[in-house]
Amino acid sequence: MRLVLLAISIALVALQARADDGDLQRALIEASCPTAKVTRLNPIGQSEVYEANCFDRRIKIVCMNGRCAADAPSHSRDDPE
């Protein structure tokens, strides 16, 4: 019985992680950066914060309650503003 409860708990956590990852991927696609290298930054309150590096652009992505949104990409150091 314990094994069944443990398996159910693990499955629920895995489903939540996949849902968050899927929305992170959606945010990257909307930012025209689907193959970025993503780094998890320190969380802010209940929000998870990521930085995506894509073709010398840095994009911040904030995820909260399973939904993610990307900010406007910052310019690379070589680009004129």
N, C-alpha and C. Protein backbone atom coordinates (compact mmCIF):
# COMPACT_ATOMS: atom_id res chain seq x y z
N MET A 1 0.82 -1.20 0.00
CA MET A 1 0.00 0.00 0.00
C MET A 1 0.87 1.26 0.00
N ARG A 2 1.93 1.25 0.79
CA ARG A 2 2.82 2.41 0.82
C ARG A 2 3.46 2.64 -0.55
N LEU A 3 3.81 1.54 -1.20
CA LEU A 3 4.44 1.65 -2.51
C LEU A 3 3.49 2.30 -3.51
N VAL A 4 2.22 1.95 -3.45
CA VAL A 4 1.22 2.53 -4.36
C VAL A 4 1.08 4.03 -4.09
N LEU A 5 1.00 4.42 -2.82
CA LEU A 5 0.88 5.84 -2.48
C LEU A 5 2.11 6.62 -2.93
N LEU A 6 3.28 6.02 -2.75
CA LEU A 6 4.52 6.66 -3.18
C LEU A 6 4.52 6.84 -4.70
N ALA A 7 4.11 5.82 -5.43
CA ALA A 7 4.07 5.90 -6.89
C ALA A 7 3.11 6.98 -7.36
N ILE A 8 1.95 7.08 -6.71
CA ILE A 8 0.97 8.11 -7.08
C ILE A 8 1.53 9.50 -6.80
N SER A 9 2.19 9.67 -5.66
CA SER A 9 2.78 10.97 -5.32
C SER A 9 3.84 11.38 -6.33
N ILE A 10 4.69 10.45 -6.71
CA ILE A 10 5.74 10.74 -7.69
C ILE A 10 5.13 11.10 -9.03
N ALA A 11 4.10 10.38 -9.43
CA ALA A 11 3.44 10.65 -10.71
C ALA A 11 2.83 12.05 -10.72
N LEU A 12 2.21 12.46 -9.63
CA LEU A 12 1.60 13.79 -9.57
C LEU A 12 2.65 14.89 -9.66
N VAL A 13 3.77 14.70 -8.98
CA VAL A 13 4.86 15.69 -9.05
C VAL A 13 5.42 15.74 -10.46
N ALA A 14 5.60 14.59 -11.09
CA ALA A 14 6.13 14.55 -12.46
C ALA A 14 5.18 15.25 -13.43
N LEU A 15 3.88 15.06 -13.28
CA LEU A 15 2.92 15.72 -14.15
C LEU A 15 2.99 17.23 -14.00
N GLN A 16 3.12 17.72 -12.77
CA GLN A 16 3.23 19.17 -12.54
C GLN A 16 4.51 19.71 -13.17
N ALA A 17 5.62 18.98 -13.01
CA ALA A 17 6.88 19.44 -13.59
C ALA A 17 6.78 19.52 -15.10
N ARG A 18 6.14 18.52 -15.73
CA ARG A 18 5.99 18.55 -17.18
C ARG A 18 5.11 19.71 -17.62
N ALA A 19 4.08 20.01 -16.89
CA ALA A 19 3.20 21.13 -17.25
C ALA A 19 3.97 22.44 -17.19
N ASP A 20 4.79 22.63 -16.16
CA ASP A 20 5.58 23.85 -16.05
C ASP A 20 6.61 23.92 -17.18
N ASP A 21 7.27 22.78 -17.47
CA ASP A 21 8.26 22.76 -18.54
C ASP A 21 7.61 23.07 -19.88
N GLY A 22 6.40 22.56 -20.09
CA GLY A 22 5.70 22.81 -21.34
C GLY A 22 5.38 24.28 -21.52
N ASP A 23 4.99 24.95 -20.46
CA ASP A 23 4.69 26.37 -20.58
C ASP A 23 5.97 27.18 -20.73
N LEU A 24 7.05 26.73 -20.13
CA LEU A 24 8.34 27.38 -20.33
C LEU A 24 8.72 27.28 -21.81
N GLN A 25 8.53 26.10 -22.39
CA GLN A 25 8.82 25.92 -23.81
C GLN A 25 7.92 26.81 -24.67
N ARG A 26 6.65 26.92 -24.30
CA ARG A 26 5.72 27.79 -25.03
C ARG A 26 6.20 29.24 -25.00
N ALA A 27 6.65 29.70 -23.83
CA ALA A 27 7.15 31.08 -23.70
C ALA A 27 8.39 31.29 -24.56
N LEU A 28 9.26 30.28 -24.63
CA LEU A 28 10.45 30.39 -25.48
C LEU A 28 10.07 30.46 -26.96
N ILE A 29 9.10 29.66 -27.37
CA ILE A 29 8.65 29.68 -28.76
C ILE A 29 8.05 31.04 -29.10
N GLU A 30 7.23 31.58 -28.20
CA GLU A 30 6.63 32.90 -28.44
C GLU A 30 7.69 34.00 -28.52
N ALA A 31 8.82 33.80 -27.85
CA ALA A 31 9.91 34.77 -27.89
C ALA A 31 10.86 34.50 -29.07
N SER A 32 10.46 33.58 -29.97
CA SER A 32 11.26 33.19 -31.14
C SER A 32 12.63 32.66 -30.73
N CYS A 33 12.63 31.86 -29.68
CA CYS A 33 13.87 31.33 -29.14
C CYS A 33 13.66 29.89 -28.63
N PRO A 34 13.21 28.96 -29.49
CA PRO A 34 12.85 27.63 -29.00
C PRO A 34 14.02 26.74 -28.60
N THR A 35 15.24 27.04 -29.05
CA THR A 35 16.37 26.17 -28.74
C THR A 35 17.39 26.87 -27.85
N ALA A 36 16.94 27.68 -26.94
CA ALA A 36 17.82 28.46 -26.07
C ALA A 36 18.47 27.59 -25.00
N LYS A 37 19.59 28.07 -24.51
CA LYS A 37 20.19 27.49 -23.32
C LYS A 37 19.52 28.20 -22.14
N VAL A 38 18.86 27.44 -21.27
CA VAL A 38 18.08 28.03 -20.19
C VAL A 38 18.78 27.78 -18.86
N THR A 39 18.89 28.84 -18.06
CA THR A 39 19.48 28.77 -16.73
C THR A 39 18.43 29.20 -15.71
N ARG A 40 18.28 28.41 -14.65
CA ARG A 40 17.35 28.78 -13.58
C ARG A 40 18.06 29.78 -12.67
N LEU A 41 17.39 30.89 -12.42
CA LEU A 41 17.91 31.92 -11.51
C LEU A 41 17.24 31.77 -10.15
N ASN A 42 17.63 32.60 -9.21
CA ASN A 42 17.01 32.56 -7.88
C ASN A 42 15.53 32.92 -7.99
N PRO A 43 14.67 32.17 -7.29
CA PRO A 43 13.24 32.48 -7.34
C PRO A 43 12.96 33.82 -6.66
N ILE A 44 11.87 34.44 -7.07
CA ILE A 44 11.40 35.68 -6.45
C ILE A 44 10.03 35.38 -5.88
N GLY A 45 9.94 35.26 -4.57
CA GLY A 45 8.67 34.89 -3.95
C GLY A 45 8.22 33.53 -4.43
N GLN A 46 7.01 33.43 -4.96
CA GLN A 46 6.47 32.18 -5.48
C GLN A 46 6.81 31.96 -6.96
N SER A 47 7.54 32.88 -7.56
CA SER A 47 7.84 32.81 -9.00
C SER A 47 9.19 32.15 -9.24
N GLU A 48 9.24 31.30 -10.27
CA GLU A 48 10.50 30.74 -10.74
C GLU A 48 10.99 31.67 -11.84
N VAL A 49 12.29 31.95 -11.85
CA VAL A 49 12.85 32.88 -12.82
C VAL A 49 13.94 32.15 -13.61
N TYR A 50 13.91 32.33 -14.92
CA TYR A 50 14.88 31.70 -15.81
C TYR A 50 15.48 32.77 -16.71
N GLU A 51 16.70 32.48 -17.19
CA GLU A 51 17.30 33.32 -18.22
C GLU A 51 17.61 32.41 -19.41
N ALA A 52 17.15 32.81 -20.58
CA ALA A 52 17.39 32.05 -21.80
C ALA A 52 18.38 32.81 -22.66
N ASN A 53 19.42 32.13 -23.12
CA ASN A 53 20.39 32.72 -24.03
C ASN A 53 20.16 32.11 -25.41
N CYS A 54 19.86 32.98 -26.36
CA CYS A 54 19.51 32.52 -27.70
C CYS A 54 20.09 33.48 -28.72
N PHE A 55 21.06 33.02 -29.49
CA PHE A 55 21.65 33.86 -30.53
C PHE A 55 22.09 35.21 -29.98
N ASP A 56 22.83 35.19 -28.89
CA ASP A 56 23.36 36.40 -28.23
C ASP A 56 22.28 37.32 -27.67
N ARG A 57 21.06 36.82 -27.50
CA ARG A 57 20.00 37.58 -26.83
C ARG A 57 19.76 36.93 -25.48
N ARG A 58 19.51 37.74 -24.49
CA ARG A 58 19.14 37.23 -23.16
C ARG A 58 17.69 37.57 -22.91
N ILE A 59 16.93 36.56 -22.54
CA ILE A 59 15.51 36.73 -22.28
C ILE A 59 15.22 36.22 -20.88
N LYS A 60 14.54 37.02 -20.08
CA LYS A 60 14.11 36.58 -18.75
C LYS A 60 12.72 35.99 -18.88
N ILE A 61 12.51 34.86 -18.21
CA ILE A 61 11.21 34.20 -18.21
C ILE A 61 10.80 33.99 -16.76
N VAL A 62 9.60 34.39 -16.43
CA VAL A 62 9.07 34.23 -15.08
C VAL A 62 7.89 33.26 -15.15
N CYS A 63 7.93 32.24 -14.28
CA CYS A 63 6.86 31.24 -14.22
C CYS A 63 6.21 31.28 -12.84
N MET A 64 4.89 31.29 -12.83
CA MET A 64 4.15 31.30 -11.58
C MET A 64 2.86 30.53 -11.79
N ASN A 65 2.56 29.61 -10.89
CA ASN A 65 1.35 28.79 -10.97
C ASN A 65 1.23 28.06 -12.30
N GLY A 66 2.34 27.57 -12.82
CA GLY A 66 2.31 26.80 -14.05
C GLY A 66 2.24 27.60 -15.33
N ARG A 67 2.28 28.93 -15.25
CA ARG A 67 2.23 29.80 -16.43
C ARG A 67 3.54 30.59 -16.51
N CYS A 68 4.07 30.70 -17.71
CA CYS A 68 5.33 31.40 -17.91
C CYS A 68 5.16 32.54 -18.91
N ALA A 69 5.92 33.61 -18.69
CA ALA A 69 5.91 34.76 -19.59
C ALA A 69 7.33 35.26 -19.77
N ALA A 70 7.67 35.59 -21.01
CA ALA A 70 9.00 36.11 -21.32
C ALA A 70 8.94 37.62 -21.44
N ASP A 71 10.01 38.28 -20.97
CA ASP A 71 10.08 39.73 -21.15
C ASP A 71 10.68 40.03 -22.51
N ALA A 72 10.77 41.30 -22.84
CA ALA A 72 11.41 41.70 -24.10
C ALA A 72 12.89 41.34 -24.02
N PRO A 73 13.43 40.80 -25.08
CA PRO A 73 14.85 40.41 -25.04
C PRO A 73 15.76 41.62 -24.90
N SER A 74 16.82 41.44 -24.13
CA SER A 74 17.80 42.52 -24.01
C SER A 74 18.76 42.44 -25.19
N HIS A 75 19.38 43.55 -25.52
CA HIS A 75 20.33 43.58 -26.62
C HIS A 75 21.61 42.91 -26.18
N SER A 76 22.32 42.32 -27.13
CA SER A 76 23.63 41.78 -26.80
C SER A 76 24.58 42.95 -26.61
N ARG A 77 25.72 42.69 -26.06
CA ARG A 77 26.67 43.76 -25.80
C ARG A 77 27.20 44.37 -27.10
N ASP A 78 27.17 43.61 -28.19
CA ASP A 78 27.70 44.09 -29.46
C ASP A 78 26.69 44.90 -30.27
N ASP A 79 25.40 44.78 -29.94
CA ASP A 79 24.36 45.48 -30.69
C ASP A 79 24.23 46.92 -30.24
N PRO A 80 24.10 47.84 -31.19
CA PRO A 80 23.80 49.22 -30.78
C PRO A 80 22.36 49.30 -30.30
N GLU A 81 22.10 50.16 -29.35
CA GLU A 81 20.74 50.27 -28.81
C GLU A 81 19.91 51.18 -29.58
